[in-house]
Amino acid sequence: MKEKRYNKMNRLLEIPKEVCSDEPKIIMTGFDEILIENYRGILEYEEFFVRISTHIGIVNINGYNLNLDKMTDDDIKIKGKIESIDIERTIDEG
């Protein structure tokens, strides 16, 4: 019941879901830049492949000349020529 009121309050205040939860937000700008908010860590990093852990799964980024442009405790920005993105769900939200 408390969770239901909490969700209703967030909607009333128009608070984005990713701000009040651990769910990731992925923003891709063209095919050259991707920003992942609410990430947990970097699992693998190569010039052609990056694996990012989030609270709900793993984001795999394939391409070339990939590099970590900016990184904070909450956000990570990857630049390069992005060819594909694959998401592996590790928890069941149903």
PDB file of N, CA and C in Angstrom:
ATOM      1  N   MET A   1       0.828  -1.202   0.000  1.00  0.00           N
ATOM      2  CA  MET A   1       0.000   0.000   0.000  1.00  0.00           C
ATOM      3  C   MET A   1       0.869   1.263   0.000  1.00  0.00           C
ATOM      4  N   LYS A   2       1.944   1.230   0.812  1.00  0.00           N
ATOM      5  CA  LYS A   2       2.842   2.378   0.877  1.00  0.00           C
ATOM      6  C   LYS A   2       3.466   2.657  -0.493  1.00  0.00           C
ATOM      7  N   GLU A   3       3.859   1.576  -1.225  1.00  0.00           N
ATOM      8  CA  GLU A   3       4.458   1.726  -2.554  1.00  0.00           C
ATOM      9  C   GLU A   3       3.472   2.361  -3.521  1.00  0.00           C
ATOM     10  N   LYS A   4       2.197   1.998  -3.423  1.00  0.00           N
ATOM     11  CA  LYS A   4       1.173   2.555  -4.301  1.00  0.00           C
ATOM     12  C   LYS A   4       1.042   4.066  -4.085  1.00  0.00           C
ATOM     13  N   ARG A   5       1.029   4.503  -2.812  1.00  0.00           N
ATOM     14  CA  ARG A   5       0.947   5.942  -2.514  1.00  0.00           C
ATOM     15  C   ARG A   5       2.198   6.661  -2.991  1.00  0.00           C
ATOM     16  N   TYR A   6       3.343   6.015  -2.829  1.00  0.00           N
ATOM     17  CA  TYR A   6       4.617   6.596  -3.262  1.00  0.00           C
ATOM     18  C   TYR A   6       4.608   6.826  -4.774  1.00  0.00           C
ATOM     19  N   ASN A   7       4.151   5.848  -5.533  1.00  0.00           N
ATOM     20  CA  ASN A   7       4.087   5.983  -6.987  1.00  0.00           C
ATOM     21  C   ASN A   7       3.094   7.065  -7.393  1.00  0.00           C
ATOM     22  N   LYS A   8       1.965   7.133  -6.696  1.00  0.00           N
ATOM     23  CA  LYS A   8       0.967   8.157  -6.997  1.00  0.00           C
ATOM     24  C   LYS A   8       1.535   9.550  -6.718  1.00  0.00           C
ATOM     25  N   MET A   9       2.264   9.682  -5.618  1.00  0.00           N
ATOM     26  CA  MET A   9       2.867  10.966  -5.264  1.00  0.00           C
ATOM     27  C   MET A   9       3.893  11.381  -6.316  1.00  0.00           C
ATOM     28  N   ASN A  10       4.699  10.448  -6.784  1.00  0.00           N
ATOM     29  CA  ASN A  10       5.691  10.753  -7.821  1.00  0.00           C
ATOM     30  C   ASN A  10       5.015  11.236  -9.098  1.00  0.00           C
ATOM     31  N   ARG A  11       3.912  10.597  -9.463  1.00  0.00           N
ATOM     32  CA  ARG A  11       3.183  11.028 -10.668  1.00  0.00           C
ATOM     33  C   ARG A  11       2.602  12.426 -10.480  1.00  0.00           C
ATOM     34  N   LEU A  12       2.053  12.699  -9.295  1.00  0.00           N
ATOM     35  CA  LEU A  12       1.497  14.021  -9.029  1.00  0.00           C
ATOM     36  C   LEU A  12       2.572  15.101  -9.105  1.00  0.00           C
ATOM     37  N   LEU A  13       3.742  14.793  -8.588  1.00  0.00           N
ATOM     38  CA  LEU A  13       4.848  15.756  -8.604  1.00  0.00           C
ATOM     39  C   LEU A  13       5.631  15.727  -9.917  1.00  0.00           C
ATOM     40  N   GLU A  14       5.258  14.791 -10.818  1.00  0.00           N
ATOM     41  CA  GLU A  14       5.907  14.634 -12.119  1.00  0.00           C
ATOM     42  C   GLU A  14       7.401  14.358 -11.985  1.00  0.00           C
ATOM     43  N   ILE A  15       7.751  13.529 -11.001  1.00  0.00           N
ATOM     44  CA  ILE A  15       9.142  13.129 -10.811  1.00  0.00           C
ATOM     45  C   ILE A  15       9.442  11.996 -11.781  1.00  0.00           C
ATOM     46  N   PRO A  16      10.483  12.123 -12.608  1.00  0.00           N
ATOM     47  CA  PRO A  16      10.829  11.041 -13.539  1.00  0.00           C
ATOM     48  C   PRO A  16      11.146   9.747 -12.794  1.00  0.00           C
ATOM     49  N   LYS A  17      10.745   8.629 -13.365  1.00  0.00           N
ATOM     50  CA  LYS A  17      10.920   7.317 -12.737  1.00  0.00           C
ATOM     51  C   LYS A  17      12.378   7.018 -12.416  1.00  0.00           C
ATOM     52  N   GLU A  18      13.299   7.393 -13.309  1.00  0.00           N
ATOM     53  CA  GLU A  18      14.707   7.069 -13.079  1.00  0.00           C
ATOM     54  C   GLU A  18      15.324   7.868 -11.941  1.00  0.00           C
ATOM     55  N   VAL A  19      14.701   8.990 -11.555  1.00  0.00           N
ATOM     56  CA  VAL A  19      15.226   9.814 -10.465  1.00  0.00           C
ATOM     57  C   VAL A  19      14.969   9.159  -9.118  1.00  0.00           C
ATOM     58  N   CYS A  20      13.806   8.540  -8.956  1.00  0.00           N
ATOM     59  CA  CYS A  20      13.428   7.974  -7.663  1.00  0.00           C
ATOM     60  C   CYS A  20      13.576   6.450  -7.620  1.00  0.00           C
ATOM     61  N   SER A  21      14.221   5.867  -8.604  1.00  0.00           N
ATOM     62  CA  SER A  21      14.452   4.422  -8.607  1.00  0.00           C
ATOM     63  C   SER A  21      15.854   4.152  -9.139  1.00  0.00           C
ATOM     64  N   ASP A  22      16.192   2.870  -9.194  1.00  0.00           N
ATOM     65  CA  ASP A  22      17.496   2.474  -9.722  1.00  0.00           C
ATOM     66  C   ASP A  22      17.431   2.107 -11.191  1.00  0.00           C
ATOM     67  N   GLU A  23      16.291   2.301 -11.825  1.00  0.00           N
ATOM     68  CA  GLU A  23      16.149   1.923 -13.228  1.00  0.00           C
ATOM     69  C   GLU A  23      17.039   2.795 -14.113  1.00  0.00           C
ATOM     70  N   PRO A  24      17.715   2.183 -15.068  1.00  0.00           N
ATOM     71  CA  PRO A  24      18.599   2.958 -15.943  1.00  0.00           C
ATOM     72  C   PRO A  24      17.827   3.770 -16.974  1.00  0.00           C
ATOM     73  N   LYS A  25      18.431   4.848 -17.387  1.00  0.00           N
ATOM     74  CA  LYS A  25      17.914   5.647 -18.495  1.00  0.00           C
ATOM     75  C   LYS A  25      19.021   5.676 -19.532  1.00  0.00           C
ATOM     76  N   ILE A  26      18.679   5.310 -20.766  1.00  0.00           N
ATOM     77  CA  ILE A  26      19.671   5.244 -21.839  1.00  0.00           C
ATOM     78  C   ILE A  26      19.307   6.283 -22.889  1.00  0.00           C
ATOM     79  N   ILE A  27      20.241   7.182 -23.168  1.00  0.00           N
ATOM     80  CA  ILE A  27      20.030   8.231 -24.165  1.00  0.00           C
ATOM     81  C   ILE A  27      21.092   8.062 -25.242  1.00  0.00           C
ATOM     82  N   MET A  28      20.647   7.889 -26.475  1.00  0.00           N
ATOM     83  CA  MET A  28      21.587   7.728 -27.584  1.00  0.00           C
ATOM     84  C   MET A  28      21.453   8.930 -28.503  1.00  0.00           C
ATOM     85  N   THR A  29      22.581   9.548 -28.820  1.00  0.00           N
ATOM     86  CA  THR A  29      22.607  10.687 -29.720  1.00  0.00           C
ATOM     87  C   THR A  29      23.250  10.224 -31.019  1.00  0.00           C
ATOM     88  N   GLY A  30      22.419  10.101 -32.051  1.00  0.00           N
ATOM     89  CA  GLY A  30      22.919   9.584 -33.319  1.00  0.00           C
ATOM     90  C   GLY A  30      23.494   8.200 -33.119  1.00  0.00           C
ATOM     91  N   PHE A  31      24.567   7.892 -33.839  1.00  0.00           N
ATOM     92  CA  PHE A  31      25.267   6.628 -33.667  1.00  0.00           C
ATOM     93  C   PHE A  31      26.664   6.845 -33.093  1.00  0.00           C
ATOM     94  N   ASP A  32      26.876   8.025 -32.480  1.00  0.00           N
ATOM     95  CA  ASP A  32      28.210   8.383 -32.006  1.00  0.00           C
ATOM     96  C   ASP A  32      28.329   8.537 -30.495  1.00  0.00           C
ATOM     97  N   GLU A  33      27.200   8.509 -29.769  1.00  0.00           N
ATOM     98  CA  GLU A  33      27.264   8.789 -28.337  1.00  0.00           C
ATOM     99  C   GLU A  33      26.107   8.123 -27.616  1.00  0.00           C
ATOM    100  N   ILE A  34      26.402   7.549 -26.454  1.00  0.00           N
ATOM    101  CA  ILE A  34      25.365   6.956 -25.620  1.00  0.00           C
ATOM    102  C   ILE A  34      25.633   7.344 -24.170  1.00  0.00           C
ATOM    103  N   LEU A  35      24.573   7.747 -23.471  1.00  0.00           N
ATOM    104  CA  LEU A  35      24.649   8.121 -22.069  1.00  0.00           C
ATOM    105  C   LEU A  35      23.763   7.155 -21.295  1.00  0.00           C
ATOM    106  N   ILE A  36      24.323   6.537 -20.258  1.00  0.00           N
ATOM    107  CA  ILE A  36      23.564   5.627 -19.417  1.00  0.00           C
ATOM    108  C   ILE A  36      23.549   6.196 -18.006  1.00  0.00           C
ATOM    109  N   GLU A  37      22.354   6.511 -17.519  1.00  0.00           N
ATOM    110  CA  GLU A  37      22.182   6.999 -16.151  1.00  0.00           C
ATOM    111  C   GLU A  37      21.801   5.822 -15.261  1.00  0.00           C
ATOM    112  N   ASN A  38      22.184   5.872 -14.001  1.00  0.00           N
ATOM    113  CA  ASN A  38      21.897   4.826 -13.007  1.00  0.00           C
ATOM    114  C   ASN A  38      22.569   3.503 -13.355  1.00  0.00           C
ATOM    115  N   TYR A  39      23.827   3.547 -13.742  1.00  0.00           N
ATOM    116  CA  TYR A  39      24.554   2.308 -14.011  1.00  0.00           C
ATOM    117  C   TYR A  39      25.232   1.838 -12.726  1.00  0.00           C
ATOM    118  N   ARG A  40      25.612   0.571 -12.684  1.00  0.00           N
ATOM    119  CA  ARG A  40      26.273   0.008 -11.506  1.00  0.00           C
ATOM    120  C   ARG A  40      27.778  -0.090 -11.691  1.00  0.00           C
ATOM    121  N   GLY A  41      28.213  -0.466 -12.898  1.00  0.00           N
ATOM    122  CA  GLY A  41      29.643  -0.616 -13.112  1.00  0.00           C
ATOM    123  C   GLY A  41      29.965  -1.069 -14.522  1.00  0.00           C
ATOM    124  N   ILE A  42      31.253  -1.060 -14.831  1.00  0.00           N
ATOM    125  CA  ILE A  42      31.738  -1.504 -16.134  1.00  0.00           C
ATOM    126  C   ILE A  42      32.203  -2.944 -15.980  1.00  0.00           C
ATOM    127  N   LEU A  43      31.623  -3.842 -16.756  1.00  0.00           N
ATOM    128  CA  LEU A  43      31.996  -5.249 -16.697  1.00  0.00           C
ATOM    129  C   LEU A  43      33.135  -5.575 -17.655  1.00  0.00           C
ATOM    130  N   GLU A  44      33.125  -4.927 -18.822  1.00  0.00           N
ATOM    131  CA  GLU A  44      34.133  -5.198 -19.846  1.00  0.00           C
ATOM    132  C   GLU A  44      34.286  -3.946 -20.699  1.00  0.00           C
ATOM    133  N   TYR A  45      35.514  -3.654 -21.071  1.00  0.00           N
ATOM    134  CA  TYR A  45      35.754  -2.464 -21.885  1.00  0.00           C
ATOM    135  C   TYR A  45      36.853  -2.741 -22.894  1.00  0.00           C
ATOM    136  N   GLU A  46      36.514  -2.678 -24.156  1.00  0.00           N
ATOM    137  CA  GLU A  46      37.453  -2.812 -25.266  1.00  0.00           C
ATOM    138  C   GLU A  46      37.125  -1.692 -26.257  1.00  0.00           C
ATOM    139  N   GLU A  47      37.962  -1.469 -27.201  1.00  0.00           N
ATOM    140  CA  GLU A  47      37.733  -0.433 -28.218  1.00  0.00           C
ATOM    141  C   GLU A  47      36.508  -0.746 -29.084  1.00  0.00           C
ATOM    142  N   PHE A  48      36.121  -2.011 -29.148  1.00  0.00           N
ATOM    143  CA  PHE A  48      35.023  -2.449 -30.015  1.00  0.00           C
ATOM    144  C   PHE A  48      33.818  -2.993 -29.247  1.00  0.00           C
ATOM    145  N   PHE A  49      33.906  -3.078 -27.903  1.00  0.00           N
ATOM    146  CA  PHE A  49      32.844  -3.695 -27.119  1.00  0.00           C
ATOM    147  C   PHE A  49      32.865  -3.170 -25.686  1.00  0.00           C
ATOM    148  N   VAL A  50      31.700  -2.755 -25.177  1.00  0.00           N
ATOM    149  CA  VAL A  50      31.591  -2.291 -23.796  1.00  0.00           C
ATOM    150  C   VAL A  50      30.385  -2.971 -23.165  1.00  0.00           C
ATOM    151  N   ARG A  51      30.567  -3.506 -21.948  1.00  0.00           N
ATOM    152  CA  ARG A  51      29.470  -4.108 -21.185  1.00  0.00           C
ATOM    153  C   ARG A  51      29.286  -3.296 -19.917  1.00  0.00           C
ATOM    154  N   ILE A  52      28.071  -2.789 -19.721  1.00  0.00           N
ATOM    155  CA  ILE A  52      27.744  -1.959 -18.572  1.00  0.00           C
ATOM    156  C   ILE A  52      26.682  -2.666 -17.745  1.00  0.00           C
ATOM    157  N   SER A  53      26.914  -2.788 -16.452  1.00  0.00           N
ATOM    158  CA  SER A  53      25.953  -3.395 -15.540  1.00  0.00           C
ATOM    159  C   SER A  53      25.002  -2.321 -15.014  1.00  0.00           C
ATOM    160  N   THR A  54      23.701  -2.641 -15.007  1.00  0.00           N
ATOM    161  CA  THR A  54      22.699  -1.762 -14.410  1.00  0.00           C
ATOM    162  C   THR A  54      21.940  -2.585 -13.370  1.00  0.00           C
ATOM    163  N   HIS A  55      21.036  -1.962 -12.662  1.00  0.00           N
ATOM    164  CA  HIS A  55      20.285  -2.655 -11.613  1.00  0.00           C
ATOM    165  C   HIS A  55      19.280  -3.653 -12.176  1.00  0.00           C
ATOM    166  N   ILE A  56      18.960  -3.563 -13.455  1.00  0.00           N
ATOM    167  CA  ILE A  56      17.985  -4.502 -14.030  1.00  0.00           C
ATOM    168  C   ILE A  56      18.570  -5.381 -15.118  1.00  0.00           C
ATOM    169  N   GLY A  57      19.826  -5.157 -15.494  1.00  0.00           N
ATOM    170  CA  GLY A  57      20.424  -5.980 -16.535  1.00  0.00           C
ATOM    171  C   GLY A  57      21.756  -5.439 -17.014  1.00  0.00           C
ATOM    172  N   ILE A  58      22.186  -5.970 -18.144  1.00  0.00           N
ATOM    173  CA  ILE A  58      23.484  -5.606 -18.726  1.00  0.00           C
ATOM    174  C   ILE A  58      23.260  -4.980 -20.095  1.00  0.00           C
ATOM    175  N   VAL A  59      23.925  -3.859 -20.346  1.00  0.00           N
ATOM    176  CA  VAL A  59      23.858  -3.181 -21.632  1.00  0.00           C
ATOM    177  C   VAL A  59      25.161  -3.471 -22.377  1.00  0.00           C
ATOM    178  N   ASN A  60      25.045  -4.090 -23.541  1.00  0.00           N
ATOM    179  CA  ASN A  60      26.200  -4.397 -24.395  1.00  0.00           C
ATOM    180  C   ASN A  60      26.221  -3.410 -25.559  1.00  0.00           C
ATOM    181  N   ILE A  61      27.330  -2.744 -25.742  1.00  0.00           N
ATOM    182  CA  ILE A  61      27.484  -1.770 -26.820  1.00  0.00           C
ATOM    183  C   ILE A  61      28.585  -2.268 -27.748  1.00  0.00           C
ATOM    184  N   ASN A  62      28.265  -2.436 -29.027  1.00  0.00           N
ATOM    185  CA  ASN A  62      29.225  -2.889 -30.037  1.00  0.00           C
ATOM    186  C   ASN A  62      29.518  -1.756 -31.007  1.00  0.00           C
ATOM    187  N   GLY A  63      30.749  -1.655 -31.450  1.00  0.00           N
ATOM    188  CA  GLY A  63      31.122  -0.628 -32.408  1.00  0.00           C
ATOM    189  C   GLY A  63      32.620  -0.605 -32.601  1.00  0.00           C
ATOM    190  N   TYR A  64      33.144   0.561 -32.909  1.00  0.00           N
ATOM    191  CA  TYR A  64      34.594   0.702 -32.999  1.00  0.00           C
ATOM    192  C   TYR A  64      34.985   2.104 -32.567  1.00  0.00           C
ATOM    193  N   ASN A  65      36.226   2.238 -32.159  1.00  0.00           N
ATOM    194  CA  ASN A  65      36.741   3.478 -31.563  1.00  0.00           C
ATOM    195  C   ASN A  65      35.904   3.920 -30.357  1.00  0.00           C
ATOM    196  N   LEU A  66      35.386   2.959 -29.596  1.00  0.00           N
ATOM    197  CA  LEU A  66      34.590   3.281 -28.412  1.00  0.00           C
ATOM    198  C   LEU A  66      35.512   3.721 -27.292  1.00  0.00           C
ATOM    199  N   ASN A  67      35.143   4.810 -26.626  1.00  0.00           N
ATOM    200  CA  ASN A  67      35.914   5.264 -25.477  1.00  0.00           C
ATOM    201  C   ASN A  67      34.986   5.870 -24.438  1.00  0.00           C
ATOM    202  N   LEU A  68      35.413   5.793 -23.184  1.00  0.00           N
ATOM    203  CA  LEU A  68      34.643   6.362 -22.085  1.00  0.00           C
ATOM    204  C   LEU A  68      34.923   7.856 -22.058  1.00  0.00           C
ATOM    205  N   ASP A  69      33.913   8.638 -22.415  1.00  0.00           N
ATOM    206  CA  ASP A  69      34.085  10.081 -22.511  1.00  0.00           C
ATOM    207  C   ASP A  69      33.965  10.744 -21.142  1.00  0.00           C
ATOM    208  N   LYS A  70      32.909  10.412 -20.421  1.00  0.00           N
ATOM    209  CA  LYS A  70      32.690  10.975 -19.084  1.00  0.00           C
ATOM    210  C   LYS A  70      32.111   9.890 -18.203  1.00  0.00           C
ATOM    211  N   MET A  71      32.492   9.930 -16.924  1.00  0.00           N
ATOM    212  CA  MET A  71      31.983   8.941 -15.997  1.00  0.00           C
ATOM    213  C   MET A  71      31.862   9.573 -14.614  1.00  0.00           C
ATOM    214  N   THR A  72      30.680   9.426 -13.999  1.00  0.00           N
ATOM    215  CA  THR A  72      30.463   9.844 -12.616  1.00  0.00           C
ATOM    216  C   THR A  72      29.958   8.622 -11.859  1.00  0.00           C
ATOM    217  N   ASP A  73      29.579   8.801 -10.613  1.00  0.00           N
ATOM    218  CA  ASP A  73      29.023   7.696  -9.838  1.00  0.00           C
ATOM    219  C   ASP A  73      27.681   7.233 -10.399  1.00  0.00           C
ATOM    220  N   ASP A  74      26.966   8.119 -11.103  1.00  0.00           N
ATOM    221  CA  ASP A  74      25.627   7.805 -11.595  1.00  0.00           C
ATOM    222  C   ASP A  74      25.523   7.657 -13.107  1.00  0.00           C
ATOM    223  N   ASP A  75      26.377   8.358 -13.855  1.00  0.00           N
ATOM    224  CA  ASP A  75      26.261   8.407 -15.313  1.00  0.00           C
ATOM    225  C   ASP A  75      27.561   7.974 -15.983  1.00  0.00           C
ATOM    226  N   ILE A  76      27.392   7.412 -17.177  1.00  0.00           N
ATOM    227  CA  ILE A  76      28.556   7.082 -17.993  1.00  0.00           C
ATOM    228  C   ILE A  76      28.233   7.433 -19.442  1.00  0.00           C
ATOM    229  N   LYS A  77      29.167   8.106 -20.110  1.00  0.00           N
ATOM    230  CA  LYS A  77      28.984   8.482 -21.510  1.00  0.00           C
ATOM    231  C   LYS A  77      30.066   7.806 -22.337  1.00  0.00           C
ATOM    232  N   ILE A  78      29.612   7.128 -23.384  1.00  0.00           N
ATOM    233  CA  ILE A  78      30.519   6.417 -24.280  1.00  0.00           C
ATOM    234  C   ILE A  78      30.404   7.032 -25.660  1.00  0.00           C
ATOM    235  N   LYS A  79      31.554   7.348 -26.259  1.00  0.00           N
ATOM    236  CA  LYS A  79      31.579   7.915 -27.610  1.00  0.00           C
ATOM    237  C   LYS A  79      32.324   6.978 -28.532  1.00  0.00           C
ATOM    238  N   GLY A  80      31.995   7.053 -29.803  1.00  0.00           N
ATOM    239  CA  GLY A  80      32.628   6.229 -30.820  1.00  0.00           C
ATOM    240  C   GLY A  80      31.602   5.912 -31.892  1.00  0.00           C
ATOM    241  N   LYS A  81      31.928   4.995 -32.760  1.00  0.00           N
ATOM    242  CA  LYS A  81      31.011   4.576 -33.822  1.00  0.00           C
ATOM    243  C   LYS A  81      30.208   3.378 -33.308  1.00  0.00           C
ATOM    244  N   ILE A  82      28.982   3.641 -32.875  1.00  0.00           N
ATOM    245  CA  ILE A  82      28.142   2.602 -32.291  1.00  0.00           C
ATOM    246  C   ILE A  82      27.425   1.844 -33.405  1.00  0.00           C
ATOM    247  N   GLU A  83      27.626   0.537 -33.410  1.00  0.00           N
ATOM    248  CA  GLU A  83      27.010  -0.335 -34.420  1.00  0.00           C
ATOM    249  C   GLU A  83      25.721  -0.965 -33.902  1.00  0.00           C
ATOM    250  N   SER A  84      25.727  -1.391 -32.630  1.00  0.00           N
ATOM    251  CA  SER A  84      24.530  -2.026 -32.070  1.00  0.00           C
ATOM    252  C   SER A  84      24.543  -1.951 -30.552  1.00  0.00           C
ATOM    253  N   ILE A  85      23.339  -2.090 -29.984  1.00  0.00           N
ATOM    254  CA  ILE A  85      23.162  -2.116 -28.537  1.00  0.00           C
ATOM    255  C   ILE A  85      22.287  -3.322 -28.224  1.00  0.00           C
ATOM    256  N   ASP A  86      22.683  -4.075 -27.221  1.00  0.00           N
ATOM    257  CA  ASP A  86      21.928  -5.253 -26.802  1.00  0.00           C
ATOM    258  C   ASP A  86      21.717  -5.142 -25.297  1.00  0.00           C
ATOM    259  N   ILE A  87      20.521  -5.482 -24.825  1.00  0.00           N
ATOM    260  CA  ILE A  87      20.216  -5.402 -23.405  1.00  0.00           C
ATOM    261  C   ILE A  87      19.854  -6.798 -22.904  1.00  0.00           C
ATOM    262  N   GLU A  88      20.555  -7.239 -21.855  1.00  0.00           N
ATOM    263  CA  GLU A  88      20.272  -8.528 -21.233  1.00  0.00           C
ATOM    264  C   GLU A  88      19.570  -8.260 -19.911  1.00  0.00           C
ATOM    265  N   ARG A  89      18.325  -8.681 -19.809  1.00  0.00           N
ATOM    266  CA  ARG A  89      17.578  -8.504 -18.552  1.00  0.00           C
ATOM    267  C   ARG A  89      18.053  -9.560 -17.567  1.00  0.00           C
ATOM    268  N   THR A  90      18.404  -9.130 -16.349  1.00  0.00           N
ATOM    269  CA  THR A  90      18.858 -10.088 -15.344  1.00  0.00           C
ATOM    270  C   THR A  90      17.863 -10.248 -14.202  1.00  0.00           C
ATOM    271  N   ILE A  91      16.834  -9.398 -14.138  1.00  0.00           N
ATOM    272  CA  ILE A  91      15.782  -9.588 -13.143  1.00  0.00           C
ATOM    273  C   ILE A  91      14.446  -9.592 -13.835  1.00  0.00           C
ATOM    274  N   ASP A  92      13.488 -10.274 -13.249  1.00  0.00           N
ATOM    275  CA  ASP A  92      12.141 -10.328 -13.797  1.00  0.00           C
ATOM    276  C   ASP A  92      11.295  -9.286 -13.104  1.00  0.00           C
ATOM    277  N   GLU A  93      10.787  -8.307 -13.852  1.00  0.00           N
ATOM    278  CA  GLU A  93      10.000  -7.230 -13.275  1.00  0.00           C
ATOM    279  C   GLU A  93       8.508  -7.529 -13.267  1.00  0.00           C
ATOM    280  N   GLY A  94       8.107  -8.728 -13.634  1.00  0.00           N
ATOM    281  CA  GLY A  94       6.701  -9.080 -13.712  1.00  0.00           C
ATOM    282  C   GLY A  94       6.205  -9.547 -12.415  1.00  0.00           C
TER     283      GLY A  94
END
